[in-house]
Amino acid sequence: MGTHQLLIKVGAFANTGLTSLTIPATVTRNGVELELMVVLESGSFDSNASLSTISIAESVGEILGGVFSNCANLSSVTTASTVVYNSDCWPANNNITVTIIPAATSTEIVANFMKDNTGVTTVYISYDITVIQSDAFKGCTNLGVLFWGSAGT
């Protein structure tokens, strides 16, 4: 399988009417399935007041701080277990529920997965996750509810 790289630069989708964001693991181009490799720069989705749900596959390796800052209505994130979310990538005072699904290549939640992301309040971890690495949720001071089982149940 080939790859397709996508770089989303600072402010590319800032201040839009975007309500939902889905970044898949693969894309099809000219009838050929390609593995998607995505880089999100800081501030690329900043200040999207209508953005409420995000779904991110393992095609994104790391999300830099500030990518979703000032997205005041962000409440639901479904993500692969291999994506690293740098501190301050979420709005700090949101009630964000995170559902973690295993990546196609791993059943681990990577080290520093959501470290220091204070906007995260609820986490659902799939039964398929077998290892949670060091400091995965360290500093998530508003994380109050953790569910282990099927996504969202």
N, C-alpha and C. Protein backbone atom coordinates (compact mmCIF):
# COMPACT_ATOMS: atom_id res chain seq x y z
N MET A 1 0.85 -1.18 0.00
CA MET A 1 0.00 0.00 0.00
C MET A 1 0.89 1.23 0.00
N GLY A 2 0.57 2.18 -0.86
CA GLY A 2 1.31 3.43 -0.90
C GLY A 2 0.83 4.39 0.18
N THR A 3 1.43 5.56 0.20
CA THR A 3 1.03 6.55 1.20
C THR A 3 0.68 7.88 0.54
N HIS A 4 -0.14 8.65 1.24
CA HIS A 4 -0.49 10.00 0.84
C HIS A 4 -0.25 10.89 2.04
N GLN A 5 0.58 11.91 1.90
CA GLN A 5 0.89 12.80 3.01
C GLN A 5 0.07 14.08 2.92
N LEU A 6 -0.40 14.53 4.08
CA LEU A 6 -1.20 15.75 4.16
C LEU A 6 -0.69 16.59 5.32
N LEU A 7 -0.32 17.82 5.05
CA LEU A 7 0.10 18.78 6.07
C LEU A 7 -0.97 19.84 6.18
N ILE A 8 -1.54 19.99 7.38
CA ILE A 8 -2.55 21.02 7.61
C ILE A 8 -1.86 22.12 8.42
N LYS A 9 -1.68 23.26 7.79
CA LYS A 9 -0.88 24.36 8.33
C LYS A 9 -1.66 25.20 9.35
N VAL A 10 -0.91 26.06 10.05
CA VAL A 10 -1.47 26.96 11.05
C VAL A 10 -2.63 27.76 10.45
N GLY A 11 -3.78 27.73 11.12
CA GLY A 11 -4.93 28.52 10.71
C GLY A 11 -5.68 28.03 9.49
N ALA A 12 -5.31 26.89 8.92
CA ALA A 12 -5.94 26.40 7.69
C ALA A 12 -7.45 26.28 7.81
N PHE A 13 -7.93 25.82 8.96
CA PHE A 13 -9.36 25.67 9.18
C PHE A 13 -9.81 26.47 10.40
N ALA A 14 -9.09 27.51 10.75
CA ALA A 14 -9.44 28.34 11.91
C ALA A 14 -10.68 29.18 11.60
N ASN A 15 -11.51 29.35 12.62
CA ASN A 15 -12.66 30.25 12.53
C ASN A 15 -13.61 29.91 11.38
N THR A 16 -13.91 28.64 11.20
CA THR A 16 -14.86 28.23 10.16
C THR A 16 -16.15 27.77 10.83
N GLY A 17 -17.11 27.32 10.07
CA GLY A 17 -18.35 26.76 10.59
C GLY A 17 -18.30 25.26 10.76
N LEU A 18 -17.10 24.69 10.73
CA LEU A 18 -16.90 23.25 10.85
C LEU A 18 -17.56 22.72 12.12
N THR A 19 -18.37 21.65 11.99
CA THR A 19 -19.04 21.06 13.15
C THR A 19 -18.47 19.71 13.52
N SER A 20 -17.86 19.02 12.55
CA SER A 20 -17.34 17.68 12.78
C SER A 20 -16.08 17.48 11.94
N LEU A 21 -15.13 16.74 12.49
CA LEU A 21 -13.88 16.47 11.79
C LEU A 21 -13.59 14.97 11.85
N THR A 22 -13.35 14.35 10.70
CA THR A 22 -12.95 12.94 10.64
C THR A 22 -11.68 12.84 9.81
N ILE A 23 -10.65 12.25 10.41
CA ILE A 23 -9.40 11.99 9.70
C ILE A 23 -9.24 10.47 9.64
N PRO A 24 -9.43 9.87 8.46
CA PRO A 24 -9.38 8.41 8.34
C PRO A 24 -7.96 7.86 8.29
N ALA A 25 -7.83 6.54 8.35
CA ALA A 25 -6.52 5.89 8.26
C ALA A 25 -6.06 5.76 6.82
N THR A 26 -7.01 5.63 5.89
CA THR A 26 -6.67 5.45 4.48
C THR A 26 -7.55 6.34 3.61
N VAL A 27 -7.09 6.59 2.40
CA VAL A 27 -7.87 7.29 1.38
C VAL A 27 -7.73 6.50 0.08
N THR A 28 -8.68 6.69 -0.82
CA THR A 28 -8.61 6.04 -2.13
C THR A 28 -8.41 7.12 -3.18
N ARG A 29 -7.38 6.92 -3.98
CA ARG A 29 -7.05 7.89 -5.03
C ARG A 29 -6.86 7.13 -6.33
N ASN A 30 -7.66 7.48 -7.34
CA ASN A 30 -7.62 6.79 -8.64
C ASN A 30 -7.78 5.28 -8.48
N GLY A 31 -8.67 4.88 -7.57
CA GLY A 31 -8.95 3.46 -7.36
C GLY A 31 -7.92 2.72 -6.53
N VAL A 32 -6.91 3.42 -6.02
CA VAL A 32 -5.86 2.79 -5.22
C VAL A 32 -5.98 3.25 -3.77
N GLU A 33 -6.00 2.30 -2.85
CA GLU A 33 -6.06 2.64 -1.43
C GLU A 33 -4.67 3.05 -0.95
N LEU A 34 -4.61 4.20 -0.29
CA LEU A 34 -3.34 4.74 0.20
C LEU A 34 -3.43 4.98 1.70
N GLU A 35 -2.34 4.68 2.40
CA GLU A 35 -2.27 4.99 3.83
C GLU A 35 -2.10 6.50 3.97
N LEU A 36 -2.91 7.11 4.80
CA LEU A 36 -2.87 8.56 4.99
C LEU A 36 -1.92 8.90 6.13
N MET A 37 -1.03 9.84 5.90
CA MET A 37 -0.09 10.32 6.92
C MET A 37 -0.36 11.81 7.09
N VAL A 38 -0.86 12.22 8.27
CA VAL A 38 -1.32 13.59 8.47
C VAL A 38 -0.50 14.27 9.56
N VAL A 39 -0.13 15.52 9.31
CA VAL A 39 0.52 16.36 10.31
C VAL A 39 -0.39 17.57 10.54
N LEU A 40 -0.75 17.81 11.80
CA LEU A 40 -1.57 18.97 12.16
C LEU A 40 -0.70 19.96 12.90
N GLU A 41 -0.52 21.14 12.33
CA GLU A 41 0.26 22.17 13.00
C GLU A 41 -0.56 22.87 14.06
N SER A 42 0.11 23.47 15.03
CA SER A 42 -0.57 24.23 16.08
C SER A 42 -1.50 25.26 15.47
N GLY A 43 -2.73 25.35 16.00
CA GLY A 43 -3.68 26.35 15.55
C GLY A 43 -4.40 26.03 14.25
N SER A 44 -4.19 24.84 13.69
CA SER A 44 -4.80 24.54 12.39
C SER A 44 -6.33 24.49 12.44
N PHE A 45 -6.91 24.19 13.59
CA PHE A 45 -8.37 24.17 13.75
C PHE A 45 -8.82 25.13 14.85
N ASP A 46 -8.04 26.13 15.15
CA ASP A 46 -8.29 27.07 16.23
C ASP A 46 -9.60 27.84 16.03
N SER A 47 -10.28 28.12 17.13
CA SER A 47 -11.46 29.01 17.17
C SER A 47 -12.62 28.56 16.32
N ASN A 48 -12.89 27.27 16.27
CA ASN A 48 -14.06 26.75 15.59
C ASN A 48 -15.16 26.55 16.62
N ALA A 49 -15.96 27.56 16.83
CA ALA A 49 -16.98 27.53 17.87
C ALA A 49 -18.02 26.43 17.65
N SER A 50 -18.23 26.01 16.42
CA SER A 50 -19.23 24.98 16.12
C SER A 50 -18.69 23.56 16.16
N LEU A 51 -17.38 23.40 16.20
CA LEU A 51 -16.78 22.06 16.18
C LEU A 51 -17.11 21.32 17.47
N SER A 52 -17.83 20.19 17.35
CA SER A 52 -18.23 19.45 18.54
C SER A 52 -17.71 18.03 18.58
N THR A 53 -17.45 17.41 17.42
CA THR A 53 -16.98 16.02 17.41
C THR A 53 -15.77 15.85 16.50
N ILE A 54 -14.86 15.00 16.95
CA ILE A 54 -13.64 14.72 16.20
C ILE A 54 -13.41 13.21 16.21
N SER A 55 -13.02 12.66 15.06
CA SER A 55 -12.65 11.25 14.95
C SER A 55 -11.30 11.19 14.24
N ILE A 56 -10.30 10.63 14.91
CA ILE A 56 -8.94 10.63 14.38
C ILE A 56 -8.37 9.21 14.39
N ALA A 57 -7.98 8.73 13.21
CA ALA A 57 -7.38 7.41 13.07
C ALA A 57 -5.87 7.49 13.32
N GLU A 58 -5.22 6.34 13.22
CA GLU A 58 -3.77 6.30 13.48
C GLU A 58 -2.95 7.00 12.41
N SER A 59 -3.60 7.55 11.39
CA SER A 59 -2.89 8.28 10.35
C SER A 59 -2.24 9.55 10.89
N VAL A 60 -2.70 10.02 12.04
CA VAL A 60 -2.09 11.18 12.69
C VAL A 60 -1.21 10.66 13.81
N GLY A 61 0.07 10.94 13.76
CA GLY A 61 0.99 10.45 14.78
C GLY A 61 1.01 11.31 16.02
N GLU A 62 0.94 12.62 15.84
CA GLU A 62 1.05 13.54 16.96
C GLU A 62 0.25 14.80 16.66
N ILE A 63 -0.41 15.30 17.70
CA ILE A 63 -1.16 16.54 17.57
C ILE A 63 -0.49 17.57 18.46
N LEU A 64 -0.06 18.66 17.85
CA LEU A 64 0.69 19.68 18.57
C LEU A 64 -0.22 20.54 19.42
N GLY A 65 0.35 21.18 20.42
CA GLY A 65 -0.42 22.07 21.29
C GLY A 65 -1.13 23.14 20.50
N GLY A 66 -2.35 23.45 20.92
CA GLY A 66 -3.10 24.54 20.31
C GLY A 66 -3.87 24.19 19.06
N VAL A 67 -3.82 22.95 18.59
CA VAL A 67 -4.52 22.58 17.36
C VAL A 67 -6.01 22.87 17.47
N PHE A 68 -6.62 22.53 18.60
CA PHE A 68 -8.06 22.71 18.78
C PHE A 68 -8.37 23.77 19.84
N SER A 69 -7.45 24.67 20.09
CA SER A 69 -7.69 25.70 21.10
C SER A 69 -8.86 26.60 20.69
N ASN A 70 -9.57 27.07 21.67
CA ASN A 70 -10.72 27.95 21.48
C ASN A 70 -11.87 27.31 20.72
N CYS A 71 -11.93 25.99 20.71
CA CYS A 71 -13.07 25.27 20.13
C CYS A 71 -14.02 24.99 21.29
N ALA A 72 -14.78 26.00 21.66
CA ALA A 72 -15.55 26.02 22.91
C ALA A 72 -16.60 24.92 23.03
N ASN A 73 -17.11 24.38 21.92
CA ASN A 73 -18.16 23.37 21.99
C ASN A 73 -17.66 21.97 21.74
N LEU A 74 -16.36 21.77 21.67
CA LEU A 74 -15.80 20.44 21.47
C LEU A 74 -16.14 19.57 22.66
N SER A 75 -16.82 18.44 22.40
CA SER A 75 -17.27 17.60 23.50
C SER A 75 -16.96 16.12 23.31
N SER A 76 -16.66 15.68 22.08
CA SER A 76 -16.48 14.25 21.84
C SER A 76 -15.31 14.01 20.88
N VAL A 77 -14.38 13.15 21.32
CA VAL A 77 -13.23 12.80 20.51
C VAL A 77 -13.12 11.28 20.48
N THR A 78 -13.09 10.69 19.28
CA THR A 78 -12.81 9.27 19.11
C THR A 78 -11.45 9.20 18.43
N THR A 79 -10.54 8.43 19.03
CA THR A 79 -9.16 8.46 18.55
C THR A 79 -8.49 7.10 18.63
N ALA A 80 -7.52 6.90 17.73
CA ALA A 80 -6.69 5.71 17.79
C ALA A 80 -5.74 5.82 18.98
N SER A 81 -5.35 4.69 19.52
CA SER A 81 -4.53 4.64 20.72
C SER A 81 -3.09 5.07 20.50
N THR A 82 -2.67 5.24 19.25
CA THR A 82 -1.28 5.57 18.95
C THR A 82 -1.02 7.05 18.71
N VAL A 83 -2.08 7.86 18.70
CA VAL A 83 -1.92 9.30 18.48
C VAL A 83 -1.46 9.95 19.78
N VAL A 84 -0.44 10.81 19.71
CA VAL A 84 0.02 11.54 20.90
C VAL A 84 -0.56 12.94 20.84
N TYR A 85 -1.23 13.33 21.92
CA TYR A 85 -1.82 14.66 22.02
C TYR A 85 -0.96 15.49 22.95
N ASN A 86 -0.25 16.45 22.42
CA ASN A 86 0.59 17.31 23.26
C ASN A 86 -0.29 18.14 24.18
N SER A 87 0.29 18.56 25.30
CA SER A 87 -0.48 19.35 26.25
C SER A 87 -1.04 20.59 25.58
N ASP A 88 -2.17 21.01 26.06
CA ASP A 88 -2.86 22.21 25.57
C ASP A 88 -3.39 22.10 24.15
N CYS A 89 -3.60 20.89 23.65
CA CYS A 89 -4.19 20.81 22.30
C CYS A 89 -5.70 20.96 22.36
N TRP A 90 -6.31 20.73 23.53
CA TRP A 90 -7.76 20.89 23.72
C TRP A 90 -8.04 22.18 24.46
N PRO A 91 -9.26 22.68 24.31
CA PRO A 91 -9.67 23.81 25.15
C PRO A 91 -9.62 23.38 26.62
N ALA A 92 -9.06 24.16 27.48
CA ALA A 92 -8.79 23.76 28.85
C ALA A 92 -10.03 23.50 29.70
N ASN A 93 -11.09 24.19 29.48
CA ASN A 93 -12.24 24.07 30.37
C ASN A 93 -13.42 23.33 29.77
N ASN A 94 -13.21 22.56 28.73
CA ASN A 94 -14.30 21.82 28.11
C ASN A 94 -14.59 20.54 28.86
N ASN A 95 -15.77 20.01 28.64
CA ASN A 95 -16.19 18.71 29.12
C ASN A 95 -15.98 17.73 27.97
N ILE A 96 -14.78 17.29 27.73
CA ILE A 96 -14.49 16.46 26.56
C ILE A 96 -14.50 14.99 26.94
N THR A 97 -15.28 14.19 26.20
CA THR A 97 -15.30 12.75 26.36
C THR A 97 -14.43 12.15 25.26
N VAL A 98 -13.47 11.32 25.65
CA VAL A 98 -12.55 10.70 24.70
C VAL A 98 -12.82 9.20 24.65
N THR A 99 -13.05 8.67 23.45
CA THR A 99 -13.20 7.23 23.25
C THR A 99 -11.95 6.74 22.53
N ILE A 100 -11.26 5.78 23.14
CA ILE A 100 -9.98 5.31 22.60
C ILE A 100 -10.18 3.93 21.97
N ILE A 101 -9.81 3.83 20.69
CA ILE A 101 -9.91 2.57 19.97
C ILE A 101 -8.50 2.12 19.60
N PRO A 102 -8.25 0.81 19.53
CA PRO A 102 -6.91 0.37 19.16
C PRO A 102 -6.60 0.72 17.71
N ALA A 103 -5.36 1.06 17.47
CA ALA A 103 -4.91 1.29 16.10
C ALA A 103 -4.78 -0.06 15.41
N ALA A 104 -4.77 -0.07 14.10
CA ALA A 104 -4.63 -1.32 13.35
C ALA A 104 -3.31 -2.02 13.68
N THR A 105 -2.30 -1.25 14.07
CA THR A 105 -0.97 -1.81 14.28
C THR A 105 -0.60 -1.98 15.75
N SER A 106 -1.48 -1.59 16.68
CA SER A 106 -1.10 -1.63 18.08
C SER A 106 -2.32 -1.69 18.97
N THR A 107 -2.19 -2.38 20.11
CA THR A 107 -3.26 -2.40 21.11
C THR A 107 -2.82 -1.67 22.37
N GLU A 108 -1.84 -0.79 22.23
CA GLU A 108 -1.33 -0.01 23.35
C GLU A 108 -1.77 1.44 23.24
N ILE A 109 -1.94 2.07 24.40
CA ILE A 109 -2.06 3.51 24.46
C ILE A 109 -0.65 4.03 24.69
N VAL A 110 -0.16 4.86 23.81
CA VAL A 110 1.23 5.29 23.84
C VAL A 110 1.53 6.18 25.04
N ALA A 111 2.80 6.25 25.42
CA ALA A 111 3.25 7.12 26.50
C ALA A 111 2.89 8.56 26.19
N ASN A 112 2.50 9.31 27.20
CA ASN A 112 2.15 10.73 27.08
C ASN A 112 0.94 10.98 26.19
N PHE A 113 0.09 9.99 26.01
CA PHE A 113 -1.06 10.04 25.10
C PHE A 113 -1.89 11.31 25.26
N MET A 114 -2.34 11.63 26.45
CA MET A 114 -3.14 12.82 26.71
C MET A 114 -2.53 13.66 27.84
N LYS A 115 -1.27 13.48 28.07
CA LYS A 115 -0.60 14.14 29.21
C LYS A 115 -0.90 15.64 29.26
N ASP A 116 -1.30 16.09 30.45
CA ASP A 116 -1.54 17.51 30.75
C ASP A 116 -2.68 18.14 29.95
N ASN A 117 -3.61 17.34 29.45
CA ASN A 117 -4.78 17.89 28.75
C ASN A 117 -5.93 18.01 29.74
N THR A 118 -6.10 19.19 30.28
CA THR A 118 -7.06 19.42 31.35
C THR A 118 -8.50 19.48 30.87
N GLY A 119 -8.75 19.57 29.58
CA GLY A 119 -10.12 19.61 29.06
C GLY A 119 -10.79 18.25 29.03
N VAL A 120 -10.01 17.19 29.20
CA VAL A 120 -10.55 15.83 29.14
C VAL A 120 -11.18 15.47 30.48
N THR A 121 -12.48 15.09 30.45
CA THR A 121 -13.20 14.76 31.68
C THR A 121 -13.63 13.30 31.75
N THR A 122 -13.87 12.67 30.61
CA THR A 122 -14.36 11.28 30.57
C THR A 122 -13.58 10.53 29.50
N VAL A 123 -13.17 9.28 29.83
CA VAL A 123 -12.43 8.46 28.87
C VAL A 123 -13.06 7.07 28.81
N TYR A 124 -13.33 6.60 27.58
CA TYR A 124 -13.76 5.23 27.33
C TYR A 124 -12.58 4.51 26.69
N ILE A 125 -12.16 3.38 27.27
CA ILE A 125 -11.06 2.60 26.71
C ILE A 125 -11.60 1.26 26.24
N SER A 126 -11.37 0.93 24.98
CA SER A 126 -11.83 -0.31 24.39
C SER A 126 -11.25 -1.52 25.10
N TYR A 127 -12.01 -2.63 25.15
CA TYR A 127 -11.52 -3.91 25.68
C TYR A 127 -10.24 -4.35 24.97
N ASP A 128 -10.10 -3.94 23.70
CA ASP A 128 -8.98 -4.40 22.89
C ASP A 128 -7.64 -3.78 23.28
N ILE A 129 -7.66 -2.73 24.07
CA ILE A 129 -6.41 -2.12 24.55
C ILE A 129 -5.81 -3.04 25.61
N THR A 130 -4.53 -3.37 25.46
CA THR A 130 -3.89 -4.30 26.40
C THR A 130 -2.82 -3.66 27.26
N VAL A 131 -2.30 -2.50 26.87
CA VAL A 131 -1.25 -1.82 27.64
C VAL A 131 -1.51 -0.33 27.61
N ILE A 132 -1.38 0.31 28.76
CA ILE A 132 -1.42 1.77 28.84
C ILE A 132 -0.03 2.21 29.30
N GLN A 133 0.69 2.90 28.44
CA GLN A 133 2.07 3.25 28.70
C GLN A 133 2.20 4.39 29.73
N SER A 134 3.42 4.63 30.15
CA SER A 134 3.75 5.62 31.17
C SER A 134 3.19 7.00 30.86
N ASP A 135 2.67 7.63 31.89
CA ASP A 135 2.21 9.02 31.83
C ASP A 135 1.11 9.28 30.79
N ALA A 136 0.40 8.23 30.38
CA ALA A 136 -0.62 8.37 29.34
C ALA A 136 -1.65 9.44 29.67
N PHE A 137 -2.07 9.51 30.93
CA PHE A 137 -3.08 10.49 31.34
C PHE A 137 -2.59 11.38 32.48
N LYS A 138 -1.30 11.40 32.69
CA LYS A 138 -0.72 12.22 33.76
C LYS A 138 -1.06 13.70 33.54
N GLY A 139 -1.49 14.35 34.60
CA GLY A 139 -1.80 15.77 34.52
C GLY A 139 -3.16 16.10 33.96
N CYS A 140 -3.98 15.10 33.65
CA CYS A 140 -5.37 15.34 33.20
C CYS A 140 -6.20 15.58 34.46
N THR A 141 -6.05 16.74 35.02
CA THR A 141 -6.58 17.03 36.35
C THR A 141 -8.10 17.07 36.42
N ASN A 142 -8.78 17.18 35.29
CA ASN A 142 -10.24 17.16 35.30
C ASN A 142 -10.83 15.82 34.88
N LEU A 143 -9.97 14.83 34.65
CA LEU A 143 -10.45 13.49 34.30
C LEU A 143 -11.10 12.88 35.53
N GLY A 144 -12.42 12.70 35.46
CA GLY A 144 -13.16 12.20 36.60
C GLY A 144 -13.81 10.86 36.37
N VAL A 145 -14.00 10.46 35.09
CA VAL A 145 -14.71 9.22 34.79
C VAL A 145 -13.89 8.42 33.78
N LEU A 146 -13.67 7.15 34.09
CA LEU A 146 -12.95 6.24 33.20
C LEU A 146 -13.79 4.98 33.02
N PHE A 147 -14.11 4.66 31.77
CA PHE A 147 -14.85 3.44 31.47
C PHE A 147 -13.94 2.48 30.73
N TRP A 148 -13.97 1.22 31.11
CA TRP A 148 -13.20 0.19 30.43
C TRP A 148 -14.20 -0.75 29.81
N GLY A 149 -14.21 -0.89 28.50
CA GLY A 149 -15.16 -1.78 27.84
C GLY A 149 -15.40 -1.37 26.43
N SER A 150 -16.59 -1.67 25.94
CA SER A 150 -16.95 -1.28 24.58
C SER A 150 -17.03 0.23 24.49
N ALA A 151 -16.66 0.75 23.34
CA ALA A 151 -16.64 2.19 23.14
C ALA A 151 -17.98 2.82 23.45
N GLY A 152 -17.96 3.78 24.35
CA GLY A 152 -19.15 4.55 24.66
C GLY A 152 -20.18 3.84 25.53
N THR A 153 -19.81 2.67 26.09
CA THR A 153 -20.78 1.97 26.95
C THR A 153 -20.21 1.68 28.30
